[in-house]
Amino acid sequence: MICSGDIIKLGRHTIICADSTDIQTYKKLLQDTKVDLVLTSPPYNAGILAPKLLAKSKILDNGLYLNKYQDNLTKQDYYNFCINTLNNISHFVKKNIRYFGMFHTIKNQETIMVI
């Protein structure tokens, strides 16, 4: 079982199971390393819709996985969550790199454009 704070090595790649809004997560994972690429897919902010959308999901246990992690934020709180995550990432990237992310919210049925 993977727990919060666990670091997993996959060949030459490393991932961490932790809070992306906490700068210490990146320090623990990357130390002094600067990355070339950022690919992220934060929670969709599905909230109460999650059980309906994922009712047949065996992995997410009827959507409870999403609700357990407070995936029902207000529009402003979700926006702040995304911005805080990107701000943390920005300390650990090389200059002129590309960010790729799926920043959208199901609950508000919109895409958050982050530039």
PDB file of N, CA and C in Angstrom:
ATOM      1  N   MET A   1       0.839  -1.170   0.000  1.00  0.00           N
ATOM      2  CA  MET A   1       0.000   0.000   0.000  1.00  0.00           C
ATOM      3  C   MET A   1       0.890   1.241   0.000  1.00  0.00           C
ATOM      4  N   ILE A   2       0.554   2.206  -0.822  1.00  0.00           N
ATOM      5  CA  ILE A   2       1.292   3.463  -0.892  1.00  0.00           C
ATOM      6  C   ILE A   2       0.651   4.459   0.064  1.00  0.00           C
ATOM      7  N   CYS A   3       1.494   5.138   0.830  1.00  0.00           N
ATOM      8  CA  CYS A   3       1.023   6.111   1.818  1.00  0.00           C
ATOM      9  C   CYS A   3       1.561   7.494   1.499  1.00  0.00           C
ATOM     10  N   SER A   4       0.928   8.500   2.038  1.00  0.00           N
ATOM     11  CA  SER A   4       1.378   9.872   1.854  1.00  0.00           C
ATOM     12  C   SER A   4       2.833  10.001   2.297  1.00  0.00           C
ATOM     13  N   GLY A   5       3.635  10.630   1.434  1.00  0.00           N
ATOM     14  CA  GLY A   5       5.054  10.805   1.719  1.00  0.00           C
ATOM     15  C   GLY A   5       5.938   9.766   1.066  1.00  0.00           C
ATOM     16  N   ASP A   6       5.334   8.676   0.551  1.00  0.00           N
ATOM     17  CA  ASP A   6       6.122   7.636  -0.105  1.00  0.00           C
ATOM     18  C   ASP A   6       6.700   8.150  -1.417  1.00  0.00           C
ATOM     19  N   ILE A   7       7.942   7.773  -1.687  1.00  0.00           N
ATOM     20  CA  ILE A   7       8.613   8.094  -2.943  1.00  0.00           C
ATOM     21  C   ILE A   7       8.827   6.786  -3.691  1.00  0.00           C
ATOM     22  N   ILE A   8       8.451   6.780  -4.973  1.00  0.00           N
ATOM     23  CA  ILE A   8       8.526   5.580  -5.786  1.00  0.00           C
ATOM     24  C   ILE A   8       9.462   5.836  -6.960  1.00  0.00           C
ATOM     25  N   LYS A   9      10.423   4.938  -7.174  1.00  0.00           N
ATOM     26  CA  LYS A   9      11.342   5.016  -8.312  1.00  0.00           C
ATOM     27  C   LYS A   9      10.809   4.112  -9.415  1.00  0.00           C
ATOM     28  N   LEU A  10      10.691   4.662 -10.616  1.00  0.00           N
ATOM     29  CA  LEU A  10      10.267   3.912 -11.797  1.00  0.00           C
ATOM     30  C   LEU A  10      11.328   4.120 -12.869  1.00  0.00           C
ATOM     31  N   GLY A  11      12.314   3.249 -12.894  1.00  0.00           N
ATOM     32  CA  GLY A  11      13.435   3.448 -13.815  1.00  0.00           C
ATOM     33  C   GLY A  11      14.174   4.713 -13.436  1.00  0.00           C
ATOM     34  N   ARG A  12      14.313   5.632 -14.393  1.00  0.00           N
ATOM     35  CA  ARG A  12      14.984   6.897 -14.084  1.00  0.00           C
ATOM     36  C   ARG A  12      14.007   7.980 -13.627  1.00  0.00           C
ATOM     37  N   HIS A  13      12.765   7.612 -13.438  1.00  0.00           N
ATOM     38  CA  HIS A  13      11.733   8.545 -13.001  1.00  0.00           C
ATOM     39  C   HIS A  13      11.398   8.323 -11.530  1.00  0.00           C
ATOM     40  N   THR A  14      10.975   9.391 -10.882  1.00  0.00           N
ATOM     41  CA  THR A  14      10.620   9.323  -9.467  1.00  0.00           C
ATOM     42  C   THR A  14       9.306  10.054  -9.255  1.00  0.00           C
ATOM     43  N   ILE A  15       8.389   9.445  -8.494  1.00  0.00           N
ATOM     44  CA  ILE A  15       7.127  10.105  -8.158  1.00  0.00           C
ATOM     45  C   ILE A  15       6.947  10.079  -6.644  1.00  0.00           C
ATOM     46  N   ILE A  16       6.107  10.971  -6.168  1.00  0.00           N
ATOM     47  CA  ILE A  16       5.840  11.047  -4.732  1.00  0.00           C
ATOM     48  C   ILE A  16       4.332  11.086  -4.516  1.00  0.00           C
ATOM     49  N   CYS A  17       3.891  10.472  -3.458  1.00  0.00           N
ATOM     50  CA  CYS A  17       2.494  10.535  -3.045  1.00  0.00           C
ATOM     51  C   CYS A  17       2.435  11.551  -1.908  1.00  0.00           C
ATOM     52  N   ALA A  18       1.985  12.765  -2.210  1.00  0.00           N
ATOM     53  CA  ALA A  18       1.997  13.826  -1.202  1.00  0.00           C
ATOM     54  C   ALA A  18       1.146  15.005  -1.657  1.00  0.00           C
ATOM     55  N   ASP A  19       1.063  16.002  -0.817  1.00  0.00           N
ATOM     56  CA  ASP A  19       0.251  17.198  -1.039  1.00  0.00           C
ATOM     57  C   ASP A  19       0.976  18.169  -1.970  1.00  0.00           C
ATOM     58  N   SER A  20       0.415  18.402  -3.150  1.00  0.00           N
ATOM     59  CA  SER A  20       1.050  19.289  -4.130  1.00  0.00           C
ATOM     60  C   SER A  20       0.986  20.759  -3.735  1.00  0.00           C
ATOM     61  N   THR A  21       0.181  21.086  -2.725  1.00  0.00           N
ATOM     62  CA  THR A  21       0.121  22.485  -2.280  1.00  0.00           C
ATOM     63  C   THR A  21       1.154  22.779  -1.196  1.00  0.00           C
ATOM     64  N   ASP A  22       1.924  21.773  -0.809  1.00  0.00           N
ATOM     65  CA  ASP A  22       2.949  21.930   0.228  1.00  0.00           C
ATOM     66  C   ASP A  22       4.328  21.961  -0.424  1.00  0.00           C
ATOM     67  N   ILE A  23       5.041  23.068  -0.307  1.00  0.00           N
ATOM     68  CA  ILE A  23       6.358  23.229  -0.925  1.00  0.00           C
ATOM     69  C   ILE A  23       7.336  22.148  -0.458  1.00  0.00           C
ATOM     70  N   GLN A  24       7.140  21.631   0.750  1.00  0.00           N
ATOM     71  CA  GLN A  24       8.029  20.583   1.271  1.00  0.00           C
ATOM     72  C   GLN A  24       7.940  19.300   0.437  1.00  0.00           C
ATOM     73  N   THR A  25       6.805  19.073  -0.202  1.00  0.00           N
ATOM     74  CA  THR A  25       6.654  17.918  -1.081  1.00  0.00           C
ATOM     75  C   THR A  25       7.697  17.957  -2.184  1.00  0.00           C
ATOM     76  N   TYR A  26       7.848  19.118  -2.814  1.00  0.00           N
ATOM     77  CA  TYR A  26       8.787  19.267  -3.919  1.00  0.00           C
ATOM     78  C   TYR A  26      10.229  19.209  -3.430  1.00  0.00           C
ATOM     79  N   LYS A  27      10.483  19.782  -2.262  1.00  0.00           N
ATOM     80  CA  LYS A  27      11.835  19.734  -1.690  1.00  0.00           C
ATOM     81  C   LYS A  27      12.240  18.297  -1.393  1.00  0.00           C
ATOM     82  N   LYS A  28      11.311  17.513  -0.867  1.00  0.00           N
ATOM     83  CA  LYS A  28      11.600  16.114  -0.550  1.00  0.00           C
ATOM     84  C   LYS A  28      11.842  15.306  -1.822  1.00  0.00           C
ATOM     85  N   LEU A  29      11.040  15.551  -2.836  1.00  0.00           N
ATOM     86  CA  LEU A  29      11.146  14.791  -4.078  1.00  0.00           C
ATOM     87  C   LEU A  29      12.347  15.206  -4.918  1.00  0.00           C
ATOM     88  N   LEU A  30      12.532  16.509  -5.096  1.00  0.00           N
ATOM     89  CA  LEU A  30      13.507  17.006  -6.067  1.00  0.00           C
ATOM     90  C   LEU A  30      14.815  17.513  -5.470  1.00  0.00           C
ATOM     91  N   GLN A  31      14.803  17.886  -4.199  1.00  0.00           N
ATOM     92  CA  GLN A  31      15.972  18.477  -3.539  1.00  0.00           C
ATOM     93  C   GLN A  31      16.459  19.667  -4.365  1.00  0.00           C
ATOM     94  N   ASP A  32      17.631  19.583  -4.980  1.00  0.00           N
ATOM     95  CA  ASP A  32      18.161  20.702  -5.779  1.00  0.00           C
ATOM     96  C   ASP A  32      17.963  20.516  -7.276  1.00  0.00           C
ATOM     97  N   THR A  33      17.274  19.464  -7.675  1.00  0.00           N
ATOM     98  CA  THR A  33      17.080  19.157  -9.091  1.00  0.00           C
ATOM     99  C   THR A  33      16.076  20.119  -9.713  1.00  0.00           C
ATOM    100  N   LYS A  34      16.358  20.543 -10.942  1.00  0.00           N
ATOM    101  CA  LYS A  34      15.416  21.348 -11.725  1.00  0.00           C
ATOM    102  C   LYS A  34      14.891  20.471 -12.859  1.00  0.00           C
ATOM    103  N   VAL A  35      13.595  20.500 -13.097  1.00  0.00           N
ATOM    104  CA  VAL A  35      12.978  19.628 -14.102  1.00  0.00           C
ATOM    105  C   VAL A  35      12.812  20.330 -15.440  1.00  0.00           C
ATOM    106  N   ASP A  36      12.696  19.513 -16.502  1.00  0.00           N
ATOM    107  CA  ASP A  36      12.550  20.008 -17.867  1.00  0.00           C
ATOM    108  C   ASP A  36      11.098  20.108 -18.311  1.00  0.00           C
ATOM    109  N   LEU A  37      10.211  19.365 -17.659  1.00  0.00           N
ATOM    110  CA  LEU A  37       8.826  19.282 -18.100  1.00  0.00           C
ATOM    111  C   LEU A  37       7.919  19.093 -16.898  1.00  0.00           C
ATOM    112  N   VAL A  38       6.772  19.747 -16.933  1.00  0.00           N
ATOM    113  CA  VAL A  38       5.755  19.559 -15.899  1.00  0.00           C
ATOM    114  C   VAL A  38       4.487  19.069 -16.586  1.00  0.00           C
ATOM    115  N   LEU A  39       3.982  17.930 -16.130  1.00  0.00           N
ATOM    116  CA  LEU A  39       2.710  17.389 -16.603  1.00  0.00           C
ATOM    117  C   LEU A  39       1.879  17.104 -15.369  1.00  0.00           C
ATOM    118  N   THR A  40       0.747  17.757 -15.266  1.00  0.00           N
ATOM    119  CA  THR A  40      -0.066  17.611 -14.064  1.00  0.00           C
ATOM    120  C   THR A  40      -1.543  17.475 -14.422  1.00  0.00           C
ATOM    121  N   SER A  41      -2.244  16.757 -13.588  1.00  0.00           N
ATOM    122  CA  SER A  41      -3.683  16.599 -13.741  1.00  0.00           C
ATOM    123  C   SER A  41      -4.300  16.616 -12.347  1.00  0.00           C
ATOM    124  N   PRO A  42      -4.589  17.819 -11.841  1.00  0.00           N
ATOM    125  CA  PRO A  42      -5.142  17.918 -10.486  1.00  0.00           C
ATOM    126  C   PRO A  42      -6.565  17.368 -10.421  1.00  0.00           C
ATOM    127  N   PRO A  43      -7.093  17.186  -9.208  1.00  0.00           N
ATOM    128  CA  PRO A  43      -8.484  16.732  -9.071  1.00  0.00           C
ATOM    129  C   PRO A  43      -9.428  17.618  -9.886  1.00  0.00           C
ATOM    130  N   TYR A  44     -10.510  17.042 -10.361  1.00  0.00           N
ATOM    131  CA  TYR A  44     -11.439  17.757 -11.235  1.00  0.00           C
ATOM    132  C   TYR A  44     -12.472  18.590 -10.491  1.00  0.00           C
ATOM    133  N   ASN A  45     -12.434  18.580  -9.176  1.00  0.00           N
ATOM    134  CA  ASN A  45     -13.419  19.317  -8.385  1.00  0.00           C
ATOM    135  C   ASN A  45     -14.842  18.843  -8.700  1.00  0.00           C
ATOM    136  N   ALA A  46     -14.992  17.523  -8.786  1.00  0.00           N
ATOM    137  CA  ALA A  46     -16.277  16.929  -9.143  1.00  0.00           C
ATOM    138  C   ALA A  46     -17.278  16.980  -8.001  1.00  0.00           C
ATOM    139  N   GLY A  47     -16.777  16.978  -6.776  1.00  0.00           N
ATOM    140  CA  GLY A  47     -17.641  17.095  -5.615  1.00  0.00           C
ATOM    141  C   GLY A  47     -18.723  16.052  -5.550  1.00  0.00           C
ATOM    142  N   ILE A  48     -19.942  16.516  -5.321  1.00  0.00           N
ATOM    143  CA  ILE A  48     -21.059  15.590  -5.136  1.00  0.00           C
ATOM    144  C   ILE A  48     -21.422  14.857  -6.419  1.00  0.00           C
ATOM    145  N   LEU A  49     -20.902  15.307  -7.552  1.00  0.00           N
ATOM    146  CA  LEU A  49     -21.178  14.613  -8.799  1.00  0.00           C
ATOM    147  C   LEU A  49     -20.358  13.336  -8.934  1.00  0.00           C
ATOM    148  N   ALA A  50     -19.292  13.217  -8.166  1.00  0.00           N
ATOM    149  CA  ALA A  50     -18.381  12.084  -8.316  1.00  0.00           C
ATOM    150  C   ALA A  50     -19.076  10.726  -8.231  1.00  0.00           C
ATOM    151  N   PRO A  51     -19.941  10.472  -7.246  1.00  0.00           N
ATOM    152  CA  PRO A  51     -20.580   9.150  -7.197  1.00  0.00           C
ATOM    153  C   PRO A  51     -21.397   8.832  -8.442  1.00  0.00           C
ATOM    154  N   LYS A  52     -22.054   9.835  -9.020  1.00  0.00           N
ATOM    155  CA  LYS A  52     -22.843   9.602 -10.228  1.00  0.00           C
ATOM    156  C   LYS A  52     -21.933   9.354 -11.424  1.00  0.00           C
ATOM    157  N   LEU A  53     -20.853  10.148 -11.531  1.00  0.00           N
ATOM    158  CA  LEU A  53     -19.947  10.019 -12.667  1.00  0.00           C
ATOM    159  C   LEU A  53     -19.134   8.737 -12.607  1.00  0.00           C
ATOM    160  N   LEU A  54     -18.832   8.296 -11.414  1.00  0.00           N
ATOM    161  CA  LEU A  54     -17.926   7.165 -11.244  1.00  0.00           C
ATOM    162  C   LEU A  54     -18.601   5.956 -10.600  1.00  0.00           C
ATOM    163  N   ALA A  55     -19.914   5.875 -10.717  1.00  0.00           N
ATOM    164  CA  ALA A  55     -20.672   4.822 -10.033  1.00  0.00           C
ATOM    165  C   ALA A  55     -20.203   3.419 -10.395  1.00  0.00           C
ATOM    166  N   LYS A  56     -19.692   3.233 -11.596  1.00  0.00           N
ATOM    167  CA  LYS A  56     -19.261   1.907 -12.030  1.00  0.00           C
ATOM    168  C   LYS A  56     -17.770   1.681 -11.806  1.00  0.00           C
ATOM    169  N   SER A  57     -17.102   2.633 -11.218  1.00  0.00           N
ATOM    170  CA  SER A  57     -15.656   2.528 -11.028  1.00  0.00           C
ATOM    171  C   SER A  57     -15.317   1.600  -9.873  1.00  0.00           C
ATOM    172  N   LYS A  58     -14.526   0.592 -10.152  1.00  0.00           N
ATOM    173  CA  LYS A  58     -14.071  -0.320  -9.102  1.00  0.00           C
ATOM    174  C   LYS A  58     -12.912   0.302  -8.331  1.00  0.00           C
ATOM    175  N   ILE A  59     -12.095   1.053  -9.019  1.00  0.00           N
ATOM    176  CA  ILE A  59     -10.909   1.638  -8.392  1.00  0.00           C
ATOM    177  C   ILE A  59     -11.289   2.737  -7.406  1.00  0.00           C
ATOM    178  N   LEU A  60     -12.236   3.574  -7.767  1.00  0.00           N
ATOM    179  CA  LEU A  60     -12.568   4.724  -6.932  1.00  0.00           C
ATOM    180  C   LEU A  60     -13.697   4.450  -5.949  1.00  0.00           C
ATOM    181  N   ASP A  61     -14.162   3.215  -5.878  1.00  0.00           N
ATOM    182  CA  ASP A  61     -15.165   2.830  -4.885  1.00  0.00           C
ATOM    183  C   ASP A  61     -16.355   3.779  -4.863  1.00  0.00           C
ATOM    184  N   ASN A  62     -17.016   3.901  -5.990  1.00  0.00           N
ATOM    185  CA  ASN A  62     -18.234   4.701  -6.101  1.00  0.00           C
ATOM    186  C   ASN A  62     -18.000   6.187  -5.855  1.00  0.00           C
ATOM    187  N   GLY A  63     -16.803   6.678  -6.192  1.00  0.00           N
ATOM    188  CA  GLY A  63     -16.529   8.105  -6.080  1.00  0.00           C
ATOM    189  C   GLY A  63     -16.048   8.561  -4.720  1.00  0.00           C
ATOM    190  N   LEU A  64     -16.000   7.686  -3.743  1.00  0.00           N
ATOM    191  CA  LEU A  64     -15.604   8.096  -2.396  1.00  0.00           C
ATOM    192  C   LEU A  64     -14.172   8.596  -2.344  1.00  0.00           C
ATOM    193  N   TYR A  65     -13.331   8.084  -3.213  1.00  0.00           N
ATOM    194  CA  TYR A  65     -11.938   8.536  -3.251  1.00  0.00           C
ATOM    195  C   TYR A  65     -11.876  10.046  -3.461  1.00  0.00           C
ATOM    196  N   LEU A  66     -12.663  10.537  -4.418  1.00  0.00           N
ATOM    197  CA  LEU A  66     -12.652  11.976  -4.686  1.00  0.00           C
ATOM    198  C   LEU A  66     -13.227  12.770  -3.516  1.00  0.00           C
ATOM    199  N   ASN A  67     -14.344  12.340  -2.988  1.00  0.00           N
ATOM    200  CA  ASN A  67     -14.969  13.081  -1.892  1.00  0.00           C
ATOM    201  C   ASN A  67     -14.110  13.069  -0.637  1.00  0.00           C
ATOM    202  N   LYS A  68     -13.400  11.993  -0.412  1.00  0.00           N
ATOM    203  CA  LYS A  68     -12.532  11.881   0.762  1.00  0.00           C
ATOM    204  C   LYS A  68     -11.499  13.010   0.791  1.00  0.00           C
ATOM    205  N   TYR A  69     -11.083  13.468  -0.359  1.00  0.00           N
ATOM    206  CA  TYR A  69     -10.067  14.508  -0.448  1.00  0.00           C
ATOM    207  C   TYR A  69     -10.672  15.877  -0.762  1.00  0.00           C
ATOM    208  N   GLN A  70     -11.855  16.128  -0.275  1.00  0.00           N
ATOM    209  CA  GLN A  70     -12.520  17.424  -0.385  1.00  0.00           C
ATOM    210  C   GLN A  70     -12.530  17.948  -1.818  1.00  0.00           C
ATOM    211  N   ASP A  71     -12.967  17.123  -2.730  1.00  0.00           N
ATOM    212  CA  ASP A  71     -13.031  17.498  -4.136  1.00  0.00           C
ATOM    213  C   ASP A  71     -14.351  18.205  -4.436  1.00  0.00           C
ATOM    214  N   ASN A  72     -14.695  19.165  -3.596  1.00  0.00           N
ATOM    215  CA  ASN A  72     -15.945  19.900  -3.732  1.00  0.00           C
ATOM    216  C   ASN A  72     -15.705  21.343  -3.296  1.00  0.00           C
ATOM    217  N   LEU A  73     -14.692  21.973  -3.881  1.00  0.00           N
ATOM    218  CA  LEU A  73     -14.305  23.329  -3.496  1.00  0.00           C
ATOM    219  C   LEU A  73     -15.146  24.372  -4.221  1.00  0.00           C
ATOM    220  N   THR A  74     -15.182  25.576  -3.670  1.00  0.00           N
ATOM    221  CA  THR A  74     -15.808  26.687  -4.385  1.00  0.00           C
ATOM    222  C   THR A  74     -14.946  27.008  -5.598  1.00  0.00           C
ATOM    223  N   LYS A  75     -15.509  27.764  -6.516  1.00  0.00           N
ATOM    224  CA  LYS A  75     -14.771  28.145  -7.720  1.00  0.00           C
ATOM    225  C   LYS A  75     -13.465  28.845  -7.347  1.00  0.00           C
ATOM    226  N   GLN A  76     -13.504  29.794  -6.421  1.00  0.00           N
ATOM    227  CA  GLN A  76     -12.301  30.538  -6.027  1.00  0.00           C
ATOM    228  C   GLN A  76     -11.296  29.646  -5.302  1.00  0.00           C
ATOM    229  N   ASP A  77     -11.769  28.774  -4.423  1.00  0.00           N
ATOM    230  CA  ASP A  77     -10.860  27.876  -3.701  1.00  0.00           C
ATOM    231  C   ASP A  77     -10.171  26.899  -4.653  1.00  0.00           C
ATOM    232  N   TYR A  78     -10.918  26.418  -5.649  1.00  0.00           N
ATOM    233  CA  TYR A  78     -10.314  25.506  -6.626  1.00  0.00           C
ATOM    234  C   TYR A  78      -9.266  26.239  -7.465  1.00  0.00           C
ATOM    235  N   TYR A  79      -9.584  27.443  -7.873  1.00  0.00           N
ATOM    236  CA  TYR A  79      -8.624  28.262  -8.624  1.00  0.00           C
ATOM    237  C   TYR A  79      -7.365  28.480  -7.783  1.00  0.00           C
ATOM    238  N   ASN A  80      -7.537  28.835  -6.515  1.00  0.00           N
ATOM    239  CA  ASN A  80      -6.387  29.054  -5.625  1.00  0.00           C
ATOM    240  C   ASN A  80      -5.564  27.777  -5.453  1.00  0.00           C
ATOM    241  N   PHE A  81      -6.242  26.643  -5.338  1.00  0.00           N
ATOM    242  CA  PHE A  81      -5.555  25.356  -5.240  1.00  0.00           C
ATOM    243  C   PHE A  81      -4.652  25.142  -6.453  1.00  0.00           C
ATOM    244  N   CYS A  82      -5.185  25.366  -7.651  1.00  0.00           N
ATOM    245  CA  CYS A  82      -4.405  25.181  -8.881  1.00  0.00           C
ATOM    246  C   CYS A  82      -3.232  26.153  -8.945  1.00  0.00           C
ATOM    247  N   ILE A  83      -3.471  27.413  -8.631  1.00  0.00           N
ATOM    248  CA  ILE A  83      -2.407  28.423  -8.669  1.00  0.00           C
ATOM    249  C   ILE A  83      -1.334  28.117  -7.633  1.00  0.00           C
ATOM    250  N   ASN A  84      -1.720  27.741  -6.424  1.00  0.00           N
ATOM    251  CA  ASN A  84      -0.735  27.407  -5.385  1.00  0.00           C
ATOM    252  C   ASN A  84       0.138  26.232  -5.812  1.00  0.00           C
ATOM    253  N   THR A  85      -0.464  25.247  -6.434  1.00  0.00           N
ATOM    254  CA  THR A  85       0.302  24.100  -6.917  1.00  0.00           C
ATOM    255  C   THR A  85       1.315  24.538  -7.967  1.00  0.00           C
ATOM    256  N   LEU A  86       0.877  25.338  -8.931  1.00  0.00           N
ATOM    257  CA  LEU A  86       1.794  25.807  -9.974  1.00  0.00           C
ATOM    258  C   LEU A  86       2.887  26.709  -9.407  1.00  0.00           C
ATOM    259  N   ASN A  87       2.547  27.527  -8.433  1.00  0.00           N
ATOM    260  CA  ASN A  87       3.568  28.370  -7.800  1.00  0.00           C
ATOM    261  C   ASN A  87       4.641  27.510  -7.143  1.00  0.00           C
ATOM    262  N   ASN A  88       4.245  26.439  -6.473  1.00  0.00           N
ATOM    263  CA  ASN A  88       5.221  25.539  -5.859  1.00  0.00           C
ATOM    264  C   ASN A  88       6.107  24.891  -6.916  1.00  0.00           C
ATOM    265  N   ILE A  89       5.494  24.425  -7.986  1.00  0.00           N
ATOM    266  CA  ILE A  89       6.252  23.781  -9.059  1.00  0.00           C
ATOM    267  C   ILE A  89       7.274  24.743  -9.651  1.00  0.00           C
ATOM    268  N   SER A  90       6.920  26.012  -9.762  1.00  0.00           N
ATOM    269  CA  SER A  90       7.784  26.988 -10.439  1.00  0.00           C
ATOM    270  C   SER A  90       9.162  27.124  -9.800  1.00  0.00           C
ATOM    271  N   HIS A  91       9.316  26.760  -8.548  1.00  0.00           N
ATOM    272  CA  HIS A  91      10.615  26.843  -7.874  1.00  0.00           C
ATOM    273  C   HIS A  91      11.559  25.715  -8.286  1.00  0.00           C
ATOM    274  N   PHE A  92      11.048  24.714  -8.984  1.00  0.00           N
ATOM    275  CA  PHE A  92      11.837  23.512  -9.268  1.00  0.00           C
ATOM    276  C   PHE A  92      11.925  23.191 -10.756  1.00  0.00           C
ATOM    277  N   VAL A  93      11.756  24.201 -11.595  1.00  0.00           N
ATOM    278  CA  VAL A  93      11.828  23.981 -13.039  1.00  0.00           C
ATOM    279  C   VAL A  93      12.962  24.801 -13.647  1.00  0.00           C
ATOM    280  N   LYS A  94      13.478  24.293 -14.766  1.00  0.00           N
ATOM    281  CA  LYS A  94      14.484  25.039 -15.509  1.00  0.00           C
ATOM    282  C   LYS A  94      13.801  26.209 -16.209  1.00  0.00           C
ATOM    283  N   LYS A  95      14.578  27.177 -16.622  1.00  0.00           N
ATOM    284  CA  LYS A  95      14.019  28.318 -17.354  1.00  0.00           C
ATOM    285  C   LYS A  95      13.491  27.860 -18.704  1.00  0.00           C
ATOM    286  N   ASN A  96      12.442  28.526 -19.158  1.00  0.00           N
ATOM    287  CA  ASN A  96      11.851  28.303 -20.475  1.00  0.00           C
ATOM    288  C   ASN A  96      11.362  26.869 -20.691  1.00  0.00           C
ATOM    289  N   ILE A  97      10.806  26.257 -19.666  1.00  0.00           N
ATOM    290  CA  ILE A  97      10.246  24.919 -19.842  1.00  0.00           C
ATOM    291  C   ILE A  97       8.758  25.026 -20.164  1.00  0.00           C
ATOM    292  N   ARG A  98       8.156  23.911 -20.484  1.00  0.00           N
ATOM    293  CA  ARG A  98       6.729  23.877 -20.803  1.00  0.00           C
ATOM    294  C   ARG A  98       5.956  23.202 -19.680  1.00  0.00           C
ATOM    295  N   TYR A  99       4.791  23.771 -19.400  1.00  0.00           N
ATOM    296  CA  TYR A  99       3.856  23.182 -18.439  1.00  0.00           C
ATOM    297  C   TYR A  99       2.697  22.593 -19.230  1.00  0.00           C
ATOM    298  N   PHE A 100       2.317  21.383 -18.912  1.00  0.00           N
ATOM    299  CA  PHE A 100       1.132  20.778 -19.487  1.00  0.00           C
ATOM    300  C   PHE A 100       0.237  20.358 -18.332  1.00  0.00           C
ATOM    301  N   GLY A 101      -1.012  20.781 -18.384  1.00  0.00           N
ATOM    302  CA  GLY A 101      -1.907  20.414 -17.301  1.00  0.00           C
ATOM    303  C   GLY A 101      -3.345  20.391 -17.749  1.00  0.00           C
ATOM    304  N   MET A 102      -4.106  19.548 -17.101  1.00  0.00           N
ATOM    305  CA  MET A 102      -5.532  19.453 -17.336  1.00  0.00           C
ATOM    306  C   MET A 102      -6.221  20.135 -16.159  1.00  0.00           C
ATOM    307  N   PHE A 103      -6.338  21.442 -16.236  1.00  0.00           N
ATOM    308  CA  PHE A 103      -6.938  22.216 -15.155  1.00  0.00           C
ATOM    309  C   PHE A 103      -8.382  22.520 -15.524  1.00  0.00           C
ATOM    310  N   HIS A 104      -9.276  21.608 -15.188  1.00  0.00           N
ATOM    311  CA  HIS A 104     -10.688  21.847 -15.453  1.00  0.00           C
ATOM    312  C   HIS A 104     -11.513  21.332 -14.289  1.00  0.00           C
ATOM    313  N   THR A 105     -12.684  21.871 -14.191  1.00  0.00           N
ATOM    314  CA  THR A 105     -13.556  21.507 -13.085  1.00  0.00           C
ATOM    315  C   THR A 105     -14.882  20.997 -13.627  1.00  0.00           C
ATOM    316  N   ILE A 106     -15.270  19.836 -13.182  1.00  0.00           N
ATOM    317  CA  ILE A 106     -16.536  19.257 -13.622  1.00  0.00           C
ATOM    318  C   ILE A 106     -17.706  19.985 -12.968  1.00  0.00           C
ATOM    319  N   LYS A 107     -17.552  20.307 -11.687  1.00  0.00           N
ATOM    320  CA  LYS A 107     -18.658  20.910 -10.939  1.00  0.00           C
ATOM    321  C   LYS A 107     -19.119  22.221 -11.573  1.00  0.00           C
ATOM    322  N   ASN A 108     -18.173  23.075 -11.942  1.00  0.00           N
ATOM    323  CA  ASN A 108     -18.525  24.366 -12.530  1.00  0.00           C
ATOM    324  C   ASN A 108     -18.560  24.317 -14.052  1.00  0.00           C
ATOM    325  N   GLN A 109     -18.297  23.150 -14.620  1.00  0.00           N
ATOM    326  CA  GLN A 109     -18.335  22.919 -16.057  1.00  0.00           C
ATOM    327  C   GLN A 109     -17.573  23.986 -16.822  1.00  0.00           C
ATOM    328  N   GLU A 110     -16.320  24.167 -16.444  1.00  0.00           N
ATOM    329  CA  GLU A 110     -15.489  25.139 -17.135  1.00  0.00           C
ATOM    330  C   GLU A 110     -14.039  24.690 -17.081  1.00  0.00           C
ATOM    331  N   THR A 111     -13.248  25.289 -17.915  1.00  0.00           N
ATOM    332  CA  THR A 111     -11.819  25.037 -17.919  1.00  0.00           C
ATOM    333  C   THR A 111     -11.129  26.255 -17.338  1.00  0.00           C
ATOM    334  N   ILE A 112     -10.195  26.014 -16.450  1.00  0.00           N
ATOM    335  CA  ILE A 112      -9.421  27.109 -15.866  1.00  0.00           C
ATOM    336  C   ILE A 112      -8.187  27.297 -16.726  1.00  0.00           C
ATOM    337  N   MET A 113      -8.038  28.457 -17.296  1.00  0.00           N
ATOM    338  CA  MET A 113      -6.878  28.753 -18.123  1.00  0.00           C
ATOM    339  C   MET A 113      -5.803  29.359 -17.241  1.00  0.00           C
ATOM    340  N   VAL A 114      -4.675  28.697 -17.175  1.00  0.00           N
ATOM    341  CA  VAL A 114      -3.556  29.171 -16.369  1.00  0.00           C
ATOM    342  C   VAL A 114      -2.399  29.435 -17.312  1.00  0.00           C
ATOM    343  N   ILE A 115      -1.947  30.673 -17.330  1.00  0.00           N
ATOM    344  CA  ILE A 115      -0.831  31.041 -18.218  1.00  0.00           C
ATOM    345  C   ILE A 115       0.322  31.524 -17.374  1.00  0.00           C
TER     346      ILE A 115
END
